[in-house]
Amino acid sequence: MGARQQTGIALFALAGAAGAVVAPIAGRAGDRGHTRPATALAHVAVIAAMVLAYLGGTATIGSSTVSLAVLLVAAVLLDLGVIADQTLGRRAINLLRPEARGRTNGLFTGLFFLGGAAGSALSGFAWNAWGWQGVCVVGLVFGVAAIGVSLSDRSHLNGDHCVGK
């Protein structure tokens, strides 16, 4: 493995640090009453990441250095979006019934795991059927579905302010 390949791998490993940076920021945004816009921004980050990943994975984007840079930006955006969404979601779940925090966290984690398993299964199918572009489209569909559900949530109109801000 050449030095250039090792550098690319190292850059992707560092991209994962974005989640450690965004988690407390997302938590503070939620604490300040900005859960809804922060969640929408997280979903937009996931959507943008999947579009960039699609572009970065195609041969038409240019040189391998440009493709690597685009894929790296996509990885950072994906990590930011997913971790922010998970942080805000866990905060919202904990505020629903503070006295049942342990049970709701367990349920949240279990459902999160099942969602991850379903996404992995669909991505594997997409990879076999359509390659990298198919995987990116699956991720894009999940991102669009997430923002669609988030924007259609009208609980904040019924006085439910613990998760709807």
Protein backbone atom coordinates (compact mmCIF):
# COMPACT_ATOMS: atom_id res chain seq x y z
CA MET A 1 0.00 0.00 0.00
CA GLY A 2 1.50 3.32 -1.07
CA ALA A 3 1.89 6.45 1.01
CA ARG A 4 -0.89 8.15 -0.97
CA GLN A 5 -3.36 5.38 -0.12
CA GLN A 6 -2.36 5.47 3.54
CA THR A 7 -2.90 9.23 3.60
CA GLY A 8 -6.39 8.78 2.17
CA ILE A 9 -7.22 6.17 4.80
CA ALA A 10 -5.89 8.42 7.57
CA LEU A 11 -7.99 11.35 6.35
CA PHE A 12 -11.14 9.23 6.48
CA ALA A 13 -10.28 8.12 9.99
CA LEU A 14 -9.99 11.77 11.01
CA ALA A 15 -13.33 12.54 9.34
CA GLY A 16 -14.95 10.42 12.04
CA ALA A 17 -13.84 12.97 14.64
CA ALA A 18 -16.53 15.33 13.33
CA GLY A 19 -19.13 13.47 15.37
CA ALA A 20 -17.23 14.10 18.59
CA VAL A 21 -17.22 17.81 17.77
CA VAL A 22 -20.88 18.11 16.79
CA ALA A 23 -22.51 16.10 19.60
CA PRO A 24 -22.13 18.75 22.32
CA ILE A 25 -23.03 21.52 19.87
CA ALA A 26 -26.23 19.71 18.89
CA GLY A 27 -27.01 19.08 22.55
CA ARG A 28 -26.63 22.77 23.37
CA ALA A 29 -28.82 23.71 20.39
CA GLY A 30 -31.52 21.42 21.73
CA ASP A 31 -31.17 22.79 25.25
CA ARG A 32 -31.62 26.30 23.89
CA GLY A 33 -34.89 25.38 22.20
CA HIS A 34 -33.56 24.86 18.67
CA THR A 35 -34.24 21.14 18.32
CA ARG A 36 -36.41 21.43 15.20
CA PRO A 37 -34.09 23.63 13.10
CA ALA A 38 -31.00 21.75 14.30
CA THR A 39 -32.61 18.43 13.37
CA ALA A 40 -33.57 19.77 9.94
CA LEU A 41 -29.99 21.00 9.46
CA ALA A 42 -28.69 17.55 10.44
CA HIS A 43 -30.94 15.94 7.83
CA VAL A 44 -29.82 18.45 5.18
CA ALA A 45 -26.21 17.55 6.03
CA VAL A 46 -26.98 13.86 5.43
CA ILE A 47 -28.68 14.65 2.12
CA ALA A 48 -25.76 16.84 0.99
CA ALA A 49 -23.32 14.14 2.07
CA MET A 50 -25.05 11.50 -0.02
CA VAL A 51 -25.12 13.76 -3.09
CA LEU A 52 -21.41 14.51 -2.66
CA ALA A 53 -20.61 10.84 -2.08
CA TYR A 54 -22.44 9.98 -5.30
CA LEU A 55 -20.47 12.62 -7.20
CA GLY A 56 -17.17 11.74 -5.55
CA GLY A 57 -17.60 8.09 -6.39
CA THR A 58 -18.14 8.67 -10.09
CA ALA A 59 -15.35 8.78 -12.62
CA THR A 60 -16.66 12.00 -14.17
CA ILE A 61 -15.76 14.28 -11.28
CA GLY A 62 -12.13 14.66 -12.27
CA SER A 63 -8.87 13.48 -10.80
CA SER A 64 -8.55 10.96 -8.01
CA THR A 65 -7.41 13.79 -5.71
CA VAL A 66 -10.62 15.72 -6.37
CA SER A 67 -12.71 12.58 -5.88
CA LEU A 68 -10.94 11.85 -2.61
CA ALA A 69 -11.52 15.43 -1.41
CA VAL A 70 -15.23 15.28 -2.32
CA LEU A 71 -15.62 11.91 -0.61
CA LEU A 72 -13.85 13.26 2.47
CA VAL A 73 -16.21 16.24 2.66
CA ALA A 74 -19.13 13.82 2.22
CA ALA A 75 -17.84 11.65 5.09
CA VAL A 76 -17.52 14.67 7.40
CA LEU A 77 -21.02 15.90 6.51
CA LEU A 78 -22.49 12.43 6.95
CA ASP A 79 -20.89 12.04 10.36
CA LEU A 80 -21.99 15.53 11.43
CA GLY A 81 -25.56 14.92 10.29
CA VAL A 82 -25.99 11.46 11.76
CA ILE A 83 -24.41 12.26 15.14
CA ALA A 84 -26.33 15.54 15.47
CA ASP A 85 -29.59 13.77 14.63
CA GLN A 86 -28.87 10.98 17.11
CA THR A 87 -27.93 13.48 19.84
CA LEU A 88 -31.07 15.55 19.31
CA GLY A 89 -33.24 12.44 19.05
CA ARG A 90 -31.91 11.00 22.29
CA ARG A 91 -32.46 14.36 24.00
CA ALA A 92 -36.06 14.46 22.77
CA ILE A 93 -36.68 10.89 23.93
CA ASN A 94 -35.27 11.67 27.38
CA LEU A 95 -37.59 14.66 27.74
CA LEU A 96 -40.73 12.69 26.90
CA ARG A 97 -40.83 10.90 30.26
CA PRO A 98 -37.85 11.81 32.43
CA GLU A 99 -38.94 9.32 35.10
CA ALA A 100 -38.64 6.50 32.54
CA ARG A 101 -35.32 7.62 31.05
CA GLY A 102 -33.71 4.19 31.31
CA ARG A 103 -36.54 2.44 29.49
CA THR A 104 -36.88 5.08 26.79
CA ASN A 105 -33.12 5.08 26.21
CA GLY A 106 -33.21 1.30 25.88
CA LEU A 107 -36.07 1.49 23.40
CA PHE A 108 -34.33 4.28 21.46
CA THR A 109 -31.10 2.28 21.27
CA GLY A 110 -32.91 -0.89 20.21
CA LEU A 111 -34.86 0.89 17.48
CA PHE A 112 -31.72 2.73 16.37
CA PHE A 113 -29.96 -0.64 16.05
CA LEU A 114 -32.84 -2.10 14.02
CA GLY A 115 -32.83 0.94 11.73
CA GLY A 116 -29.08 0.58 11.25
CA ALA A 117 -29.49 -3.10 10.44
CA ALA A 118 -32.22 -2.35 7.90
CA GLY A 119 -30.08 0.38 6.33
CA SER A 120 -27.11 -1.98 6.14
CA ALA A 121 -29.22 -4.67 4.51
CA LEU A 122 -30.61 -2.24 1.95
CA SER A 123 -27.14 -0.86 1.26
CA GLY A 124 -25.81 -4.37 0.68
CA PHE A 125 -28.62 -5.07 -1.75
CA ALA A 126 -28.03 -1.72 -3.48
CA TRP A 127 -24.30 -2.43 -3.75
CA ASN A 128 -24.94 -5.79 -5.39
CA ALA A 129 -27.54 -4.39 -7.75
CA TRP A 130 -26.20 -0.91 -8.61
CA GLY A 131 -22.80 -0.43 -6.99
CA TRP A 132 -21.66 2.75 -5.26
CA GLN A 133 -24.34 4.91 -6.86
CA GLY A 134 -27.04 2.59 -5.53
CA VAL A 135 -25.65 2.81 -2.00
CA CYS A 136 -25.63 6.61 -2.26
CA VAL A 137 -29.22 6.65 -3.49
CA VAL A 138 -30.32 4.48 -0.54
CA GLY A 139 -28.64 6.92 1.85
CA LEU A 140 -30.24 9.84 0.04
CA VAL A 141 -33.69 8.24 0.32
CA PHE A 142 -33.21 7.78 4.08
CA GLY A 143 -32.09 11.41 4.42
CA VAL A 144 -35.05 12.72 2.43
CA ALA A 145 -37.44 10.51 4.40
CA ALA A 146 -35.98 11.78 7.68
CA ILE A 147 -36.39 15.43 6.76
CA GLY A 148 -39.87 14.71 5.41
CA VAL A 149 -40.94 13.12 8.69
CA SER A 150 -39.29 15.90 10.66
CA LEU A 151 -40.97 18.69 8.70
CA SER A 152 -44.36 17.00 8.78
CA ASP A 153 -44.31 16.62 12.59
CA ARG A 154 -46.98 18.93 13.92
CA SER A 155 -46.65 18.06 17.61
CA HIS A 156 -45.29 21.55 18.30
CA LEU A 157 -48.67 22.97 17.25
CA ASN A 158 -50.45 20.99 19.98
CA GLY A 159 -48.43 22.47 22.83
CA ASP A 160 -45.89 19.63 22.98
CA HIS A 161 -42.81 21.77 23.41
CA CYS A 162 -40.38 19.28 24.87
CA VAL A 163 -39.43 17.82 21.47
CA GLY A 164 -40.99 20.24 19.04
CA LYS A 165 -38.84 23.33 19.47
